[in-house]
PDB file of N, CA and C in Angstrom:
ATOM      1  N   UNK A   1       9.022  11.150   1.650  1.00  0.00           N
ATOM      2  CA  UNK A   1       7.874  10.612   0.931  1.00  0.00           C
ATOM      3  C   UNK A   1       7.104   9.670   1.847  1.00  0.00           C
ATOM      4  N   UNK A   2       5.822   9.840   1.887  1.00  0.00           N
ATOM      5  CA  UNK A   2       4.975   9.004   2.730  1.00  0.00           C
ATOM      6  C   UNK A   2       4.817   7.608   2.128  1.00  0.00           C
ATOM      7  N   UNK A   3       4.590   6.656   2.998  1.00  0.00           N
ATOM      8  CA  UNK A   3       4.235   5.316   2.531  1.00  0.00           C
ATOM      9  C   UNK A   3       2.772   5.352   2.106  1.00  0.00           C
ATOM     10  N   UNK A   4       2.528   5.085   0.867  1.00  0.00           N
ATOM     11  CA  UNK A   4       1.198   5.261   0.297  1.00  0.00           C
ATOM     12  C   UNK A   4       0.588   3.938  -0.174  1.00  0.00           C
ATOM     13  N   UNK A   5       1.247   2.846   0.071  1.00  0.00           N
ATOM     14  CA  UNK A   5       0.826   1.553  -0.479  1.00  0.00           C
ATOM     15  C   UNK A   5      -0.606   1.175  -0.107  1.00  0.00           C
ATOM     16  N   UNK A   6      -0.991   1.315   1.156  1.00  0.00           N
ATOM     17  CA  UNK A   6      -2.340   0.919   1.582  1.00  0.00           C
ATOM     18  C   UNK A   6      -3.397   1.838   0.953  1.00  0.00           C
ATOM     19  N   UNK A   7      -3.080   3.115   0.837  1.00  0.00           N
ATOM     20  CA  UNK A   7      -4.014   4.029   0.190  1.00  0.00           C
ATOM     21  C   UNK A   7      -4.176   3.697  -1.290  1.00  0.00           C
ATOM     22  N   UNK A   8      -3.087   3.323  -1.931  1.00  0.00           N
ATOM     23  CA  UNK A   8      -3.150   2.943  -3.346  1.00  0.00           C
ATOM     24  C   UNK A   8      -4.009   1.691  -3.524  1.00  0.00           C
ATOM     25  N   UNK A   9      -3.798   0.709  -2.685  1.00  0.00           N
ATOM     26  CA  UNK A   9      -4.585  -0.525  -2.758  1.00  0.00           C
ATOM     27  C   UNK A   9      -6.060  -0.229  -2.534  1.00  0.00           C
ATOM     28  N   UNK A  10      -6.358   0.594  -1.529  1.00  0.00           N
ATOM     29  CA  UNK A  10      -7.753   0.947  -1.234  1.00  0.00           C
ATOM     30  C   UNK A  10      -8.388   1.665  -2.425  1.00  0.00           C
ATOM     31  N   UNK A  11      -7.666   2.640  -2.992  1.00  0.00           N
ATOM     32  CA  UNK A  11      -8.199   3.401  -4.126  1.00  0.00           C
ATOM     33  C   UNK A  11      -8.481   2.479  -5.318  1.00  0.00           C
ATOM     34  N   UNK A  12      -7.539   1.638  -5.644  1.00  0.00           N
ATOM     35  CA  UNK A  12      -7.698   0.766  -6.802  1.00  0.00           C
ATOM     36  C   UNK A  12      -8.773  -0.289  -6.581  1.00  0.00           C
ATOM     37  N   UNK A  13      -8.857  -0.811  -5.379  1.00  0.00           N
ATOM     38  CA  UNK A  13      -9.858  -1.833  -5.066  1.00  0.00           C
ATOM     39  C   UNK A  13     -11.277  -1.271  -5.114  1.00  0.00           C
ATOM     40  N   UNK A  14     -11.433  -0.025  -4.726  1.00  0.00           N
ATOM     41  CA  UNK A  14     -12.769   0.570  -4.625  1.00  0.00           C
ATOM     42  C   UNK A  14     -13.121   1.513  -5.777  1.00  0.00           C
ATOM     43  N   UNK A  15     -12.311   1.526  -6.821  1.00  0.00           N
ATOM     44  CA  UNK A  15     -12.632   2.285  -8.020  1.00  0.00           C
ATOM     45  C   UNK A  15     -12.339   3.772  -7.963  1.00  0.00           C
ATOM     46  N   UNK A  16     -11.506   4.203  -7.028  1.00  0.00           N
ATOM     47  CA  UNK A  16     -11.129   5.612  -6.953  1.00  0.00           C
ATOM     48  C   UNK A  16      -9.912   5.867  -7.840  1.00  0.00           C
ATOM     49  N   UNK A  17      -9.715   7.128  -8.222  1.00  0.00           N
ATOM     50  CA  UNK A  17      -8.523   7.448  -9.008  1.00  0.00           C
ATOM     51  C   UNK A  17      -7.278   7.375  -8.131  1.00  0.00           C
ATOM     52  N   UNK A  18      -6.117   7.258  -8.751  1.00  0.00           N
ATOM     53  CA  UNK A  18      -4.812   7.289  -8.096  1.00  0.00           C
ATOM     54  C   UNK A  18      -3.914   8.147  -8.982  1.00  0.00           C
ATOM     55  N   UNK A  19      -3.776   9.439  -8.630  1.00  0.00           N
ATOM     56  CA  UNK A  19      -3.080  10.410  -9.466  1.00  0.00           C
ATOM     57  C   UNK A  19      -2.157  11.292  -8.631  1.00  0.00           C
ATOM     58  N   UNK A  20      -1.203  11.961  -9.282  1.00  0.00           N
ATOM     59  CA  UNK A  20      -0.338  12.883  -8.540  1.00  0.00           C
ATOM     60  C   UNK A  20      -1.067  14.187  -8.206  1.00  0.00           C
ATOM     61  N   UNK A  21      -0.767  14.725  -7.053  1.00  0.00           N
ATOM     62  CA  UNK A  21      -1.303  16.021  -6.651  1.00  0.00           C
ATOM     63  C   UNK A  21      -0.700  17.097  -7.561  1.00  0.00           C
ATOM     64  N   UNK A  22      -1.519  18.023  -8.067  1.00  0.00           N
ATOM     65  CA  UNK A  22      -0.984  19.057  -8.957  1.00  0.00           C
ATOM     66  C   UNK A  22      -0.074  20.071  -8.251  1.00  0.00           C
ATOM     67  N   UNK A  23      -0.077  20.085  -6.936  1.00  0.00           N
ATOM     68  CA  UNK A  23       0.768  21.025  -6.199  1.00  0.00           C
ATOM     69  C   UNK A  23       2.091  20.379  -5.787  1.00  0.00           C
ATOM     70  N   UNK A  24       2.042  19.196  -5.168  1.00  0.00           N
ATOM     71  CA  UNK A  24       3.266  18.592  -4.621  1.00  0.00           C
ATOM     72  C   UNK A  24       3.720  17.324  -5.341  1.00  0.00           C
ATOM     73  N   UNK A  25       2.939  16.831  -6.274  1.00  0.00           N
ATOM     74  CA  UNK A  25       3.242  15.616  -7.049  1.00  0.00           C
ATOM     75  C   UNK A  25       3.172  14.321  -6.240  1.00  0.00           C
ATOM     76  N   UNK A  26       2.713  14.370  -5.007  1.00  0.00           N
ATOM     77  CA  UNK A  26       2.526  13.146  -4.219  1.00  0.00           C
ATOM     78  C   UNK A  26       1.300  12.396  -4.749  1.00  0.00           C
ATOM     79  N   UNK A  27       1.411  11.114  -4.918  1.00  0.00           N
ATOM     80  CA  UNK A  27       0.280  10.319  -5.385  1.00  0.00           C
ATOM     81  C   UNK A  27      -0.777  10.263  -4.283  1.00  0.00           C
ATOM     82  N   UNK A  28      -2.050  10.381  -4.683  1.00  0.00           N
ATOM     83  CA  UNK A  28      -3.142  10.277  -3.723  1.00  0.00           C
ATOM     84  C   UNK A  28      -4.367   9.722  -4.429  1.00  0.00           C
ATOM     85  N   UNK A  29      -5.307   9.218  -3.628  1.00  0.00           N
ATOM     86  CA  UNK A  29      -6.499   8.586  -4.183  1.00  0.00           C
ATOM     87  C   UNK A  29      -7.738   9.437  -4.031  1.00  0.00           C
ATOM     88  N   UNK A  30      -8.735   9.128  -4.853  1.00  0.00           N
ATOM     89  CA  UNK A  30      -9.993   9.855  -4.816  1.00  0.00           C
ATOM     90  C   UNK A  30     -10.691   9.798  -3.475  1.00  0.00           C
ATOM     91  N   UNK A  31     -10.451   8.742  -2.711  1.00  0.00           N
ATOM     92  CA  UNK A  31     -11.059   8.625  -1.386  1.00  0.00           C
ATOM     93  C   UNK A  31     -10.451   9.612  -0.392  1.00  0.00           C
ATOM     94  N   UNK A  32      -9.318  10.216  -0.746  1.00  0.00           N
ATOM     95  CA  UNK A  32      -8.655  11.195   0.128  1.00  0.00           C
ATOM     96  C   UNK A  32      -8.931  12.636  -0.299  1.00  0.00           C
ATOM     97  N   UNK A  33      -9.596  12.824  -1.407  1.00  0.00           N
ATOM     98  CA  UNK A  33      -9.819  14.139  -1.992  1.00  0.00           C
ATOM     99  C   UNK A  33     -10.585  15.019  -1.029  1.00  0.00           C
ATOM    100  N   UNK A  34      -9.969  16.148  -0.668  1.00  0.00           N
ATOM    101  CA  UNK A  34     -10.575  17.020   0.334  1.00  0.00           C
ATOM    102  C   UNK A  34     -10.720  18.459  -0.139  1.00  0.00           C
ATOM    103  N   UNK A  35     -10.035  18.832  -1.215  1.00  0.00           N
ATOM    104  CA  UNK A  35     -10.095  20.211  -1.701  1.00  0.00           C
ATOM    105  C   UNK A  35      -9.821  20.243  -3.194  1.00  0.00           C
ATOM    106  N   UNK A  36     -10.137  21.363  -3.794  1.00  0.00           N
ATOM    107  CA  UNK A  36      -9.966  21.545  -5.232  1.00  0.00           C
ATOM    108  C   UNK A  36      -9.121  22.783  -5.499  1.00  0.00           C
ATOM    109  N   UNK A  37      -8.176  22.649  -6.412  1.00  0.00           N
ATOM    110  CA  UNK A  37      -7.405  23.780  -6.892  1.00  0.00           C
ATOM    111  C   UNK A  37      -8.105  24.279  -8.147  1.00  0.00           C
ATOM    112  N   UNK A  38      -8.624  25.483  -8.103  1.00  0.00           N
ATOM    113  CA  UNK A  38      -9.379  26.035  -9.224  1.00  0.00           C
ATOM    114  C   UNK A  38      -8.460  26.373 -10.392  1.00  0.00           C
ATOM    115  N   UNK A  39      -8.921  26.007 -11.589  1.00  0.00           N
ATOM    116  CA  UNK A  39      -8.237  26.351 -12.825  1.00  0.00           C
ATOM    117  C   UNK A  39      -8.964  27.531 -13.456  1.00  0.00           C
ATOM    118  N   UNK A  40     -10.278  27.525 -13.336  1.00  0.00           N
ATOM    119  CA  UNK A  40     -11.124  28.618 -13.819  1.00  0.00           C
ATOM    120  C   UNK A  40     -12.304  28.726 -12.854  1.00  0.00           C
ATOM    121  N   UNK A  41     -13.239  29.602 -13.170  1.00  0.00           N
ATOM    122  CA  UNK A  41     -14.409  29.768 -12.309  1.00  0.00           C
ATOM    123  C   UNK A  41     -15.202  28.476 -12.185  1.00  0.00           C
ATOM    124  N   UNK A  42     -15.176  27.636 -13.220  1.00  0.00           N
ATOM    125  CA  UNK A  42     -16.015  26.435 -13.209  1.00  0.00           C
ATOM    126  C   UNK A  42     -15.241  25.129 -13.262  1.00  0.00           C
ATOM    127  N   UNK A  43     -13.917  25.178 -13.289  1.00  0.00           N
ATOM    128  CA  UNK A  43     -13.125  23.953 -13.373  1.00  0.00           C
ATOM    129  C   UNK A  43     -12.033  23.933 -12.311  1.00  0.00           C
ATOM    130  N   UNK A  44     -11.707  22.730 -11.867  1.00  0.00           N
ATOM    131  CA  UNK A  44     -10.650  22.576 -10.882  1.00  0.00           C
ATOM    132  C   UNK A  44     -10.151  21.143 -10.859  1.00  0.00           C
ATOM    133  N   UNK A  45      -9.084  20.925 -10.121  1.00  0.00           N
ATOM    134  CA  UNK A  45      -8.516  19.593  -9.955  1.00  0.00           C
ATOM    135  C   UNK A  45      -8.351  19.310  -8.472  1.00  0.00           C
ATOM    136  N   UNK A  46      -8.496  18.063  -8.096  1.00  0.00           N
ATOM    137  CA  UNK A  46      -8.349  17.671  -6.707  1.00  0.00           C
ATOM    138  C   UNK A  46      -6.904  17.751  -6.255  1.00  0.00           C
ATOM    139  N   UNK A  47      -6.726  18.042  -4.972  1.00  0.00           N
ATOM    140  CA  UNK A  47      -5.391  18.068  -4.376  1.00  0.00           C
ATOM    141  C   UNK A  47      -5.342  17.103  -3.193  1.00  0.00           C
ATOM    142  N   UNK A  48      -4.138  16.668  -2.856  1.00  0.00           N
ATOM    143  CA  UNK A  48      -3.974  15.731  -1.746  1.00  0.00           C
ATOM    144  C   UNK A  48      -4.286  16.422  -0.409  1.00  0.00           C
ATOM    145  N   UNK A  49      -4.518  15.636   0.636  1.00  0.00           N
ATOM    146  CA  UNK A  49      -4.836  16.230   1.948  1.00  0.00           C
ATOM    147  C   UNK A  49      -3.755  17.169   2.485  1.00  0.00           C
ATOM    148  N   UNK A  50      -2.507  16.949   2.112  1.00  0.00           N
ATOM    149  CA  UNK A  50      -1.417  17.801   2.598  1.00  0.00           C
ATOM    150  C   UNK A  50      -1.426  19.193   1.953  1.00  0.00           C
ATOM    151  N   UNK A  51      -2.117  19.350   0.829  1.00  0.00           N
ATOM    152  CA  UNK A  51      -2.084  20.610   0.082  1.00  0.00           C
ATOM    153  C   UNK A  51      -3.388  21.399   0.159  1.00  0.00           C
ATOM    154  N   UNK A  52      -4.281  21.037   1.046  1.00  0.00           N
ATOM    155  CA  UNK A  52      -5.559  21.743   1.178  1.00  0.00           C
ATOM    156  C   UNK A  52      -5.336  23.217   1.480  1.00  0.00           C
ATOM    157  N   UNK A  53      -4.474  23.517   2.416  1.00  0.00           N
ATOM    158  CA  UNK A  53      -4.210  24.907   2.806  1.00  0.00           C
ATOM    159  C   UNK A  53      -3.621  25.703   1.640  1.00  0.00           C
ATOM    160  N   UNK A  54      -2.682  25.105   0.911  1.00  0.00           N
ATOM    161  CA  UNK A  54      -2.069  25.783  -0.231  1.00  0.00           C
ATOM    162  C   UNK A  54      -3.092  26.011  -1.343  1.00  0.00           C
ATOM    163  N   UNK A  55      -3.964  25.035  -1.605  1.00  0.00           N
ATOM    164  CA  UNK A  55      -5.002  25.197  -2.631  1.00  0.00           C
ATOM    165  C   UNK A  55      -5.960  26.320  -2.250  1.00  0.00           C
ATOM    166  N   UNK A  56      -6.355  26.369  -0.991  1.00  0.00           N
ATOM    167  CA  UNK A  56      -7.253  27.425  -0.518  1.00  0.00           C
ATOM    168  C   UNK A  56      -6.594  28.792  -0.687  1.00  0.00           C
ATOM    169  N   UNK A  57      -5.321  28.887  -0.353  1.00  0.00           N
ATOM    170  CA  UNK A  57      -4.573  30.144  -0.493  1.00  0.00           C
ATOM    171  C   UNK A  57      -4.521  30.581  -1.958  1.00  0.00           C
ATOM    172  N   UNK A  58      -4.187  29.654  -2.845  1.00  0.00           N
ATOM    173  CA  UNK A  58      -4.094  29.987  -4.271  1.00  0.00           C
ATOM    174  C   UNK A  58      -5.457  30.374  -4.849  1.00  0.00           C
ATOM    175  N   UNK A  59      -6.507  29.637  -4.460  1.00  0.00           N
ATOM    176  CA  UNK A  59      -7.850  29.958  -4.944  1.00  0.00           C
ATOM    177  C   UNK A  59      -8.271  31.358  -4.510  1.00  0.00           C
ATOM    178  N   UNK A  60      -7.981  31.686  -3.262  1.00  0.00           N
ATOM    179  CA  UNK A  60      -8.354  32.994  -2.731  1.00  0.00           C
ATOM    180  C   UNK A  60      -7.581  34.103  -3.435  1.00  0.00           C
ATOM    181  N   UNK A  61      -6.284  33.894  -3.675  1.00  0.00           N
ATOM    182  CA  UNK A  61      -5.469  34.896  -4.363  1.00  0.00           C
ATOM    183  C   UNK A  61      -5.933  35.102  -5.805  1.00  0.00           C
ATOM    184  N   UNK A  62      -6.260  34.014  -6.485  1.00  0.00           N
ATOM    185  CA  UNK A  62      -6.597  34.104  -7.905  1.00  0.00           C
ATOM    186  C   UNK A  62      -8.047  34.506  -8.159  1.00  0.00           C
ATOM    187  N   UNK A  63      -8.981  33.981  -7.347  1.00  0.00           N
ATOM    188  CA  UNK A  63     -10.402  34.177  -7.616  1.00  0.00           C
ATOM    189  C   UNK A  63     -11.136  34.960  -6.536  1.00  0.00           C
ATOM    190  N   UNK A  64     -10.496  35.187  -5.399  1.00  0.00           N
ATOM    191  CA  UNK A  64     -11.141  35.939  -4.337  1.00  0.00           C
ATOM    192  C   UNK A  64     -12.004  35.097  -3.426  1.00  0.00           C
ATOM    193  N   UNK A  65     -11.948  33.792  -3.573  1.00  0.00           N
ATOM    194  CA  UNK A  65     -12.705  32.890  -2.706  1.00  0.00           C
ATOM    195  C   UNK A  65     -12.029  31.536  -2.687  1.00  0.00           C
ATOM    196  N   UNK A  66     -12.369  30.735  -1.700  1.00  0.00           N
ATOM    197  CA  UNK A  66     -11.778  29.408  -1.604  1.00  0.00           C
ATOM    198  C   UNK A  66     -12.531  28.458  -2.513  1.00  0.00           C
ATOM    199  N   UNK A  67     -12.288  27.179  -2.382  1.00  0.00           N
ATOM    200  CA  UNK A  67     -12.891  26.189  -3.277  1.00  0.00           C
ATOM    201  C   UNK A  67     -14.393  26.064  -3.147  1.00  0.00           C
ATOM    202  N   UNK A  68     -14.958  26.507  -2.049  1.00  0.00           N
ATOM    203  CA  UNK A  68     -16.353  26.202  -1.786  1.00  0.00           C
ATOM    204  C   UNK A  68     -17.334  27.126  -2.487  1.00  0.00           C
ATOM    205  N   UNK A  69     -16.864  28.076  -3.233  1.00  0.00           N
ATOM    206  CA  UNK A  69     -17.784  28.817  -4.068  1.00  0.00           C
ATOM    207  C   UNK A  69     -17.769  30.313  -3.879  1.00  0.00           C
ATOM    208  N   UNK A  70     -18.447  30.947  -4.767  1.00  0.00           N
ATOM    209  CA  UNK A  70     -18.452  32.395  -4.843  1.00  0.00           C
ATOM    210  C   UNK A  70     -19.183  33.048  -3.669  1.00  0.00           C
ATOM    211  N   UNK A  71     -20.011  32.296  -2.964  1.00  0.00           N
ATOM    212  CA  UNK A  71     -20.771  32.867  -1.850  1.00  0.00           C
ATOM    213  C   UNK A  71     -19.857  33.425  -0.766  1.00  0.00           C
ATOM    214  N   UNK A  72     -18.645  32.937  -0.665  1.00  0.00           N
ATOM    215  CA  UNK A  72     -17.711  33.428   0.346  1.00  0.00           C
ATOM    216  C   UNK A  72     -17.272  34.847   0.003  1.00  0.00           C
ATOM    217  N   UNK A  73     -17.196  35.175  -1.286  1.00  0.00           N
ATOM    218  CA  UNK A  73     -16.705  36.479  -1.702  1.00  0.00           C
ATOM    219  C   UNK A  73     -17.805  37.529  -1.793  1.00  0.00           C
ATOM    220  N   UNK A  74     -19.036  37.113  -1.926  1.00  0.00           N
ATOM    221  CA  UNK A  74     -20.138  38.048  -2.084  1.00  0.00           C
ATOM    222  C   UNK A  74     -20.822  38.319  -0.759  1.00  0.00           C
ATOM    223  N   UNK A  75     -21.407  39.505  -0.608  1.00  0.00           N
ATOM    224  CA  UNK A  75     -22.166  39.767   0.619  1.00  0.00           C
ATOM    225  C   UNK A  75     -23.374  38.839   0.683  1.00  0.00           C
ATOM    226  N   UNK A  76     -23.741  38.473   1.885  1.00  0.00           N
ATOM    227  CA  UNK A  76     -24.890  37.589   2.041  1.00  0.00           C
ATOM    228  C   UNK A  76     -26.159  38.316   1.657  1.00  0.00           C
ATOM    229  N   UNK A  77     -27.010  37.612   0.914  1.00  0.00           N
ATOM    230  CA  UNK A  77     -28.285  38.220   0.535  1.00  0.00           C
ATOM    231  C   UNK A  77     -29.289  38.009   1.659  1.00  0.00           C
ATOM    232  N   UNK A  78     -30.308  38.839   1.654  1.00  0.00           N
ATOM    233  CA  UNK A  78     -31.347  38.700   2.683  1.00  0.00           C
ATOM    234  C   UNK A  78     -32.117  37.412   2.432  1.00  0.00           C
ATOM    235  N   UNK A  79     -32.506  36.779   3.510  1.00  0.00           N
ATOM    236  CA  UNK A  79     -33.290  35.547   3.383  1.00  0.00           C
ATOM    237  C   UNK A  79     -34.654  35.865   2.779  1.00  0.00           C
ATOM    238  N   UNK A  80     -35.050  35.002   1.884  1.00  0.00           N
ATOM    239  CA  UNK A  80     -36.370  35.167   1.275  1.00  0.00           C
ATOM    240  C   UNK A  80     -37.440  34.818   2.290  1.00  0.00           C
ATOM    241  N   UNK A  81     -38.467  35.604   2.323  1.00  0.00           N
ATOM    242  CA  UNK A  81     -39.572  35.310   3.248  1.00  0.00           C
ATOM    243  C   UNK A  81     -40.655  34.575   2.484  1.00  0.00           C
ATOM    244  N   UNK A  82     -41.262  33.595   3.099  1.00  0.00           N
ATOM    245  CA  UNK A  82     -42.309  32.837   2.402  1.00  0.00           C
ATOM    246  C   UNK A  82     -43.503  33.747   2.062  1.00  0.00           C
ATOM    247  N   UNK A  83     -44.068  33.494   0.887  1.00  0.00           N
ATOM    248  CA  UNK A  83     -45.240  34.257   0.460  1.00  0.00           C
ATOM    249  C   UNK A  83     -46.447  33.837   1.290  1.00  0.00           C
ATOM    250  N   UNK A  84     -47.301  34.829   1.659  1.00  0.00           N
ATOM    251  CA  UNK A  84     -48.476  34.462   2.438  1.00  0.00           C
ATOM    252  C   UNK A  84     -49.709  34.326   1.588  1.00  0.00           C
TER     253      UNK A  84
END
């Protein structure tokens, strides 16, 4: 288990959440939030920095894309050209 005391103090002092990671149960703060584990197409929960890779893997397996959105799974559309 990591020493998390300074991160906890920082989170609480600056108004960030301090909650367990849904993957590993390690406590982490909102200031450390780096990825989201998707629950549905429009909802997700934050994961600790140690679980970013696992969250990305689970999101890709379940939804076909990582946390950053559906654009990763869809073919790129042609760029719109400005009207003249």
